[in-house]
């Protein structure tokens, strides 16, 4: 693998770790509880870290891994854009965001427990950086990752 490509992948790996670490600081240290879509937006980062470790450690199937990384990143961008759209009112909250139970036979105690839970709506922006929501930042970051990974995939040569 070329030195430039390797450096780029290490920088991306570090940025993904930094993003997840920041999300946990915002959640646990600053007390901003994430909504369900905020949690779902972390999954492509976890998957990407594992796939990048495959490239760094196993050094097998690199071209295929770059393609999968680009697909994971575009999925992450779509999830983040959907969340951004809900925040901005472009989309309605879906069943993903709803906190209602589909079980029609709830006891009084179960209903009280659900009401006491402090559930966060996907519409609410509880944390922003310079007035920009994390969902919008994640949309852009994930799309940039898609572009980088897909470009690496297209330019990858099978001869190491």
C-alpha atoms as a PDB file:
ATOM      1  CA  UNK A   1       0.000   0.000   0.000  1.00  0.00           C
ATOM      2  CA  UNK A   2       1.324   3.421  -0.858  1.00  0.00           C
ATOM      3  CA  UNK A   3       2.679   5.633   1.885  1.00  0.00           C
ATOM      4  CA  UNK A   4       0.213   8.455   1.140  1.00  0.00           C
ATOM      5  CA  UNK A   5      -2.757   6.091   1.196  1.00  0.00           C
ATOM      6  CA  UNK A   6      -1.530   4.545   4.435  1.00  0.00           C
ATOM      7  CA  UNK A   7      -1.138   7.962   6.090  1.00  0.00           C
ATOM      8  CA  UNK A   8      -4.610   8.989   4.923  1.00  0.00           C
ATOM      9  CA  UNK A   9      -6.136   5.826   6.366  1.00  0.00           C
ATOM     10  CA  UNK A  10      -4.355   6.377   9.695  1.00  0.00           C
ATOM     11  CA  UNK A  11      -5.656   9.954   9.835  1.00  0.00           C
ATOM     12  CA  UNK A  12      -9.182   8.712   9.091  1.00  0.00           C
ATOM     13  CA  UNK A  13      -8.829   6.016  11.761  1.00  0.00           C
ATOM     14  CA  UNK A  14      -7.771   8.675  14.271  1.00  0.00           C
ATOM     15  CA  UNK A  15     -10.643  10.995  13.254  1.00  0.00           C
ATOM     16  CA  UNK A  16     -13.170   8.174  13.644  1.00  0.00           C
ATOM     17  CA  UNK A  17     -11.819   7.394  17.113  1.00  0.00           C
ATOM     18  CA  UNK A  18     -11.888  11.095  17.989  1.00  0.00           C
ATOM     19  CA  UNK A  19     -15.486  11.370  16.771  1.00  0.00           C
ATOM     20  CA  UNK A  20     -16.645   8.436  18.884  1.00  0.00           C
ATOM     21  CA  UNK A  21     -14.658   9.637  21.887  1.00  0.00           C
ATOM     22  CA  UNK A  22     -16.218  13.104  21.500  1.00  0.00           C
ATOM     23  CA  UNK A  23     -19.705  11.586  21.294  1.00  0.00           C
ATOM     24  CA  UNK A  24     -19.136   9.769  24.569  1.00  0.00           C
ATOM     25  CA  UNK A  25     -17.768  12.914  26.235  1.00  0.00           C
ATOM     26  CA  UNK A  26     -20.803  14.884  25.052  1.00  0.00           C
ATOM     27  CA  UNK A  27     -23.083  12.129  26.332  1.00  0.00           C
ATOM     28  CA  UNK A  28     -21.496  11.197  29.657  1.00  0.00           C
ATOM     29  CA  UNK A  29     -19.374  14.179  30.729  1.00  0.00           C
ATOM     30  CA  UNK A  30     -21.596  16.978  29.408  1.00  0.00           C
ATOM     31  CA  UNK A  31     -24.876  15.174  30.047  1.00  0.00           C
ATOM     32  CA  UNK A  32     -26.459  15.458  26.592  1.00  0.00           C
ATOM     33  CA  UNK A  33     -28.485  12.288  26.147  1.00  0.00           C
ATOM     34  CA  UNK A  34     -28.500  11.096  22.517  1.00  0.00           C
ATOM     35  CA  UNK A  35     -31.631  10.149  20.614  1.00  0.00           C
ATOM     36  CA  UNK A  36     -31.956   6.786  18.873  1.00  0.00           C
ATOM     37  CA  UNK A  37     -30.673   8.113  15.538  1.00  0.00           C
ATOM     38  CA  UNK A  38     -27.628   9.611  17.271  1.00  0.00           C
ATOM     39  CA  UNK A  39     -26.813   6.139  18.550  1.00  0.00           C
ATOM     40  CA  UNK A  40     -27.428   4.571  15.115  1.00  0.00           C
ATOM     41  CA  UNK A  41     -25.034   7.067  13.516  1.00  0.00           C
ATOM     42  CA  UNK A  42     -22.208   5.595  15.582  1.00  0.00           C
ATOM     43  CA  UNK A  43     -22.522   2.114  14.066  1.00  0.00           C
ATOM     44  CA  UNK A  44     -20.884   2.958  10.709  1.00  0.00           C
ATOM     45  CA  UNK A  45     -17.949   4.395  12.677  1.00  0.00           C
ATOM     46  CA  UNK A  46     -17.541   1.150  14.647  1.00  0.00           C
ATOM     47  CA  UNK A  47     -17.705  -0.897  11.446  1.00  0.00           C
ATOM     48  CA  UNK A  48     -15.232   1.424   9.714  1.00  0.00           C
ATOM     49  CA  UNK A  49     -12.747   1.109  12.579  1.00  0.00           C
ATOM     50  CA  UNK A  50     -12.890  -2.685  12.353  1.00  0.00           C
ATOM     51  CA  UNK A  51     -12.471  -2.604   8.572  1.00  0.00           C
ATOM     52  CA  UNK A  52      -9.533  -0.210   8.850  1.00  0.00           C
ATOM     53  CA  UNK A  53      -7.926  -2.525  11.383  1.00  0.00           C
ATOM     54  CA  UNK A  54      -8.279  -5.282   8.781  1.00  0.00           C
ATOM     55  CA  UNK A  55      -6.312  -3.149   6.340  1.00  0.00           C
ATOM     56  CA  UNK A  56      -3.629  -2.255   8.895  1.00  0.00           C
ATOM     57  CA  UNK A  57      -3.156  -5.639  10.530  1.00  0.00           C
ATOM     58  CA  UNK A  58      -4.210  -8.371   8.122  1.00  0.00           C
ATOM     59  CA  UNK A  59      -3.402  -6.526   4.894  1.00  0.00           C
ATOM     60  CA  UNK A  60      -5.781  -8.773   2.983  1.00  0.00           C
ATOM     61  CA  UNK A  61      -8.597  -7.918   0.611  1.00  0.00           C
ATOM     62  CA  UNK A  62      -7.688  -4.243   0.761  1.00  0.00           C
ATOM     63  CA  UNK A  63      -9.501  -3.240  -2.418  1.00  0.00           C
ATOM     64  CA  UNK A  64     -12.694  -5.019  -1.344  1.00  0.00           C
ATOM     65  CA  UNK A  65     -12.384  -3.500   2.132  1.00  0.00           C
ATOM     66  CA  UNK A  66     -12.116  -0.027   0.611  1.00  0.00           C
ATOM     67  CA  UNK A  67     -15.310  -0.675  -1.339  1.00  0.00           C
ATOM     68  CA  UNK A  68     -17.099  -1.857   1.802  1.00  0.00           C
ATOM     69  CA  UNK A  69     -15.781   1.193   3.682  1.00  0.00           C
ATOM     70  CA  UNK A  70     -17.215   3.462   1.011  1.00  0.00           C
ATOM     71  CA  UNK A  71     -20.602   1.694   1.238  1.00  0.00           C
ATOM     72  CA  UNK A  72     -20.596   1.880   5.035  1.00  0.00           C
ATOM     73  CA  UNK A  73     -19.733   5.583   4.850  1.00  0.00           C
ATOM     74  CA  UNK A  74     -22.515   6.396   2.384  1.00  0.00           C
ATOM     75  CA  UNK A  75     -24.951   4.509   4.627  1.00  0.00           C
ATOM     76  CA  UNK A  76     -23.715   6.577   7.565  1.00  0.00           C
ATOM     77  CA  UNK A  77     -24.201   9.732   5.533  1.00  0.00           C
ATOM     78  CA  UNK A  78     -27.761   8.713   4.638  1.00  0.00           C
ATOM     79  CA  UNK A  79     -28.628   8.007   8.284  1.00  0.00           C
ATOM     80  CA  UNK A  80     -27.118  11.330   9.355  1.00  0.00           C
ATOM     81  CA  UNK A  81     -28.907  13.214   6.549  1.00  0.00           C
ATOM     82  CA  UNK A  82     -32.187  11.599   7.555  1.00  0.00           C
ATOM     83  CA  UNK A  83     -31.580  12.731  11.136  1.00  0.00           C
ATOM     84  CA  UNK A  84     -30.701  16.233   9.923  1.00  0.00           C
ATOM     85  CA  UNK A  85     -33.898  16.253   7.850  1.00  0.00           C
ATOM     86  CA  UNK A  86     -35.958  15.350  10.915  1.00  0.00           C
ATOM     87  CA  UNK A  87     -34.274  18.137  12.882  1.00  0.00           C
ATOM     88  CA  UNK A  88     -35.061  20.627  10.130  1.00  0.00           C
ATOM     89  CA  UNK A  89     -38.616  19.388   9.604  1.00  0.00           C
ATOM     90  CA  UNK A  90     -37.988  17.984   6.098  1.00  0.00           C
ATOM     91  CA  UNK A  91     -39.002  14.505   7.280  1.00  0.00           C
ATOM     92  CA  UNK A  92     -41.406  13.297   9.946  1.00  0.00           C
ATOM     93  CA  UNK A  93     -40.107  11.263  12.829  1.00  0.00           C
ATOM     94  CA  UNK A  94     -40.421   7.600  11.949  1.00  0.00           C
ATOM     95  CA  UNK A  95     -40.930   4.497  14.020  1.00  0.00           C
ATOM     96  CA  UNK A  96     -37.172   4.581  14.647  1.00  0.00           C
ATOM     97  CA  UNK A  97     -37.546   7.736  16.715  1.00  0.00           C
ATOM     98  CA  UNK A  98     -40.842   6.960  18.378  1.00  0.00           C
ATOM     99  CA  UNK A  99     -40.697   5.803  21.948  1.00  0.00           C
ATOM    100  CA  UNK A 100     -44.133   4.192  21.986  1.00  0.00           C
ATOM    101  CA  UNK A 101     -44.437   0.487  22.488  1.00  0.00           C
ATOM    102  CA  UNK A 102     -46.414  -1.488  19.953  1.00  0.00           C
ATOM    103  CA  UNK A 103     -47.591  -3.817  22.704  1.00  0.00           C
ATOM    104  CA  UNK A 104     -51.244  -2.950  23.302  1.00  0.00           C
ATOM    105  CA  UNK A 105     -51.502  -4.840  26.578  1.00  0.00           C
ATOM    106  CA  UNK A 106     -49.459  -2.662  28.920  1.00  0.00           C
ATOM    107  CA  UNK A 107     -50.036  -2.692  32.625  1.00  0.00           C
ATOM    108  CA  UNK A 108     -50.417   0.555  34.575  1.00  0.00           C
ATOM    109  CA  UNK A 109     -46.926   0.049  35.964  1.00  0.00           C
ATOM    110  CA  UNK A 110     -45.440  -0.376  32.477  1.00  0.00           C
ATOM    111  CA  UNK A 111     -47.150   2.800  31.281  1.00  0.00           C
ATOM    112  CA  UNK A 112     -45.826   4.720  34.296  1.00  0.00           C
ATOM    113  CA  UNK A 113     -42.312   3.375  33.677  1.00  0.00           C
ATOM    114  CA  UNK A 114     -42.458   4.508  30.043  1.00  0.00           C
ATOM    115  CA  UNK A 115     -43.704   7.957  31.031  1.00  0.00           C
ATOM    116  CA  UNK A 116     -40.919   8.337  33.613  1.00  0.00           C
ATOM    117  CA  UNK A 117     -38.236   7.537  31.050  1.00  0.00           C
ATOM    118  CA  UNK A 118     -36.611  10.668  29.773  1.00  0.00           C
ATOM    119  CA  UNK A 119     -36.770   9.930  26.054  1.00  0.00           C
ATOM    120  CA  UNK A 120     -35.112  12.257  23.598  1.00  0.00           C
ATOM    121  CA  UNK A 121     -36.854  13.221  20.388  1.00  0.00           C
ATOM    122  CA  UNK A 122     -34.900  13.019  17.140  1.00  0.00           C
ATOM    123  CA  UNK A 123     -36.215  16.523  16.351  1.00  0.00           C
ATOM    124  CA  UNK A 124     -34.428  18.111  19.289  1.00  0.00           C
ATOM    125  CA  UNK A 125     -30.895  19.372  18.847  1.00  0.00           C
ATOM    126  CA  UNK A 126     -29.458  19.038  22.334  1.00  0.00           C
ATOM    127  CA  UNK A 127     -25.867  19.839  21.350  1.00  0.00           C
ATOM    128  CA  UNK A 128     -24.415  21.908  18.528  1.00  0.00           C
ATOM    129  CA  UNK A 129     -21.065  23.343  17.546  1.00  0.00           C
ATOM    130  CA  UNK A 130     -21.236  26.970  16.387  1.00  0.00           C
ATOM    131  CA  UNK A 131     -24.962  26.481  15.828  1.00  0.00           C
ATOM    132  CA  UNK A 132     -24.460  23.414  13.620  1.00  0.00           C
ATOM    133  CA  UNK A 133     -26.001  20.142  14.798  1.00  0.00           C
ATOM    134  CA  UNK A 134     -23.907  17.021  15.105  1.00  0.00           C
ATOM    135  CA  UNK A 135     -26.199  15.292  12.595  1.00  0.00           C
ATOM    136  CA  UNK A 136     -25.309  17.872   9.932  1.00  0.00           C
ATOM    137  CA  UNK A 137     -21.596  17.605  10.742  1.00  0.00           C
ATOM    138  CA  UNK A 138     -21.863  13.818  10.576  1.00  0.00           C
ATOM    139  CA  UNK A 139     -23.654  14.013   7.212  1.00  0.00           C
ATOM    140  CA  UNK A 140     -20.786  15.977   5.711  1.00  0.00           C
ATOM    141  CA  UNK A 141     -18.027  13.968   7.400  1.00  0.00           C
ATOM    142  CA  UNK A 142     -19.523  10.630   6.365  1.00  0.00           C
ATOM    143  CA  UNK A 143     -19.989  11.811   2.782  1.00  0.00           C
ATOM    144  CA  UNK A 144     -16.371  13.013   2.639  1.00  0.00           C
ATOM    145  CA  UNK A 145     -15.287   9.603   3.947  1.00  0.00           C
ATOM    146  CA  UNK A 146     -17.362   7.954   1.226  1.00  0.00           C
ATOM    147  CA  UNK A 147     -15.613  10.070  -1.424  1.00  0.00           C
ATOM    148  CA  UNK A 148     -12.153   9.294  -0.030  1.00  0.00           C
ATOM    149  CA  UNK A 149     -12.746   5.549   0.319  1.00  0.00           C
ATOM    150  CA  UNK A 150     -14.419   5.238  -3.070  1.00  0.00           C
ATOM    151  CA  UNK A 151     -11.595   7.177  -4.730  1.00  0.00           C
ATOM    152  CA  UNK A 152      -9.047   4.888  -3.064  1.00  0.00           C
ATOM    153  CA  UNK A 153     -11.045   1.865  -4.219  1.00  0.00           C
ATOM    154  CA  UNK A 154     -11.072   3.074  -7.838  1.00  0.00           C
ATOM    155  CA  UNK A 155      -7.366   3.879  -7.830  1.00  0.00           C
ATOM    156  CA  UNK A 156      -6.228   0.838  -5.910  1.00  0.00           C
ATOM    157  CA  UNK A 157      -3.823  -1.381  -7.776  1.00  0.00           C
ATOM    158  CA  UNK A 158      -3.656  -5.016  -6.892  1.00  0.00           C
ATOM    159  CA  UNK A 159       0.134  -4.951  -6.911  1.00  0.00           C
ATOM    160  CA  UNK A 160       1.108  -3.816  -3.417  1.00  0.00           C
END
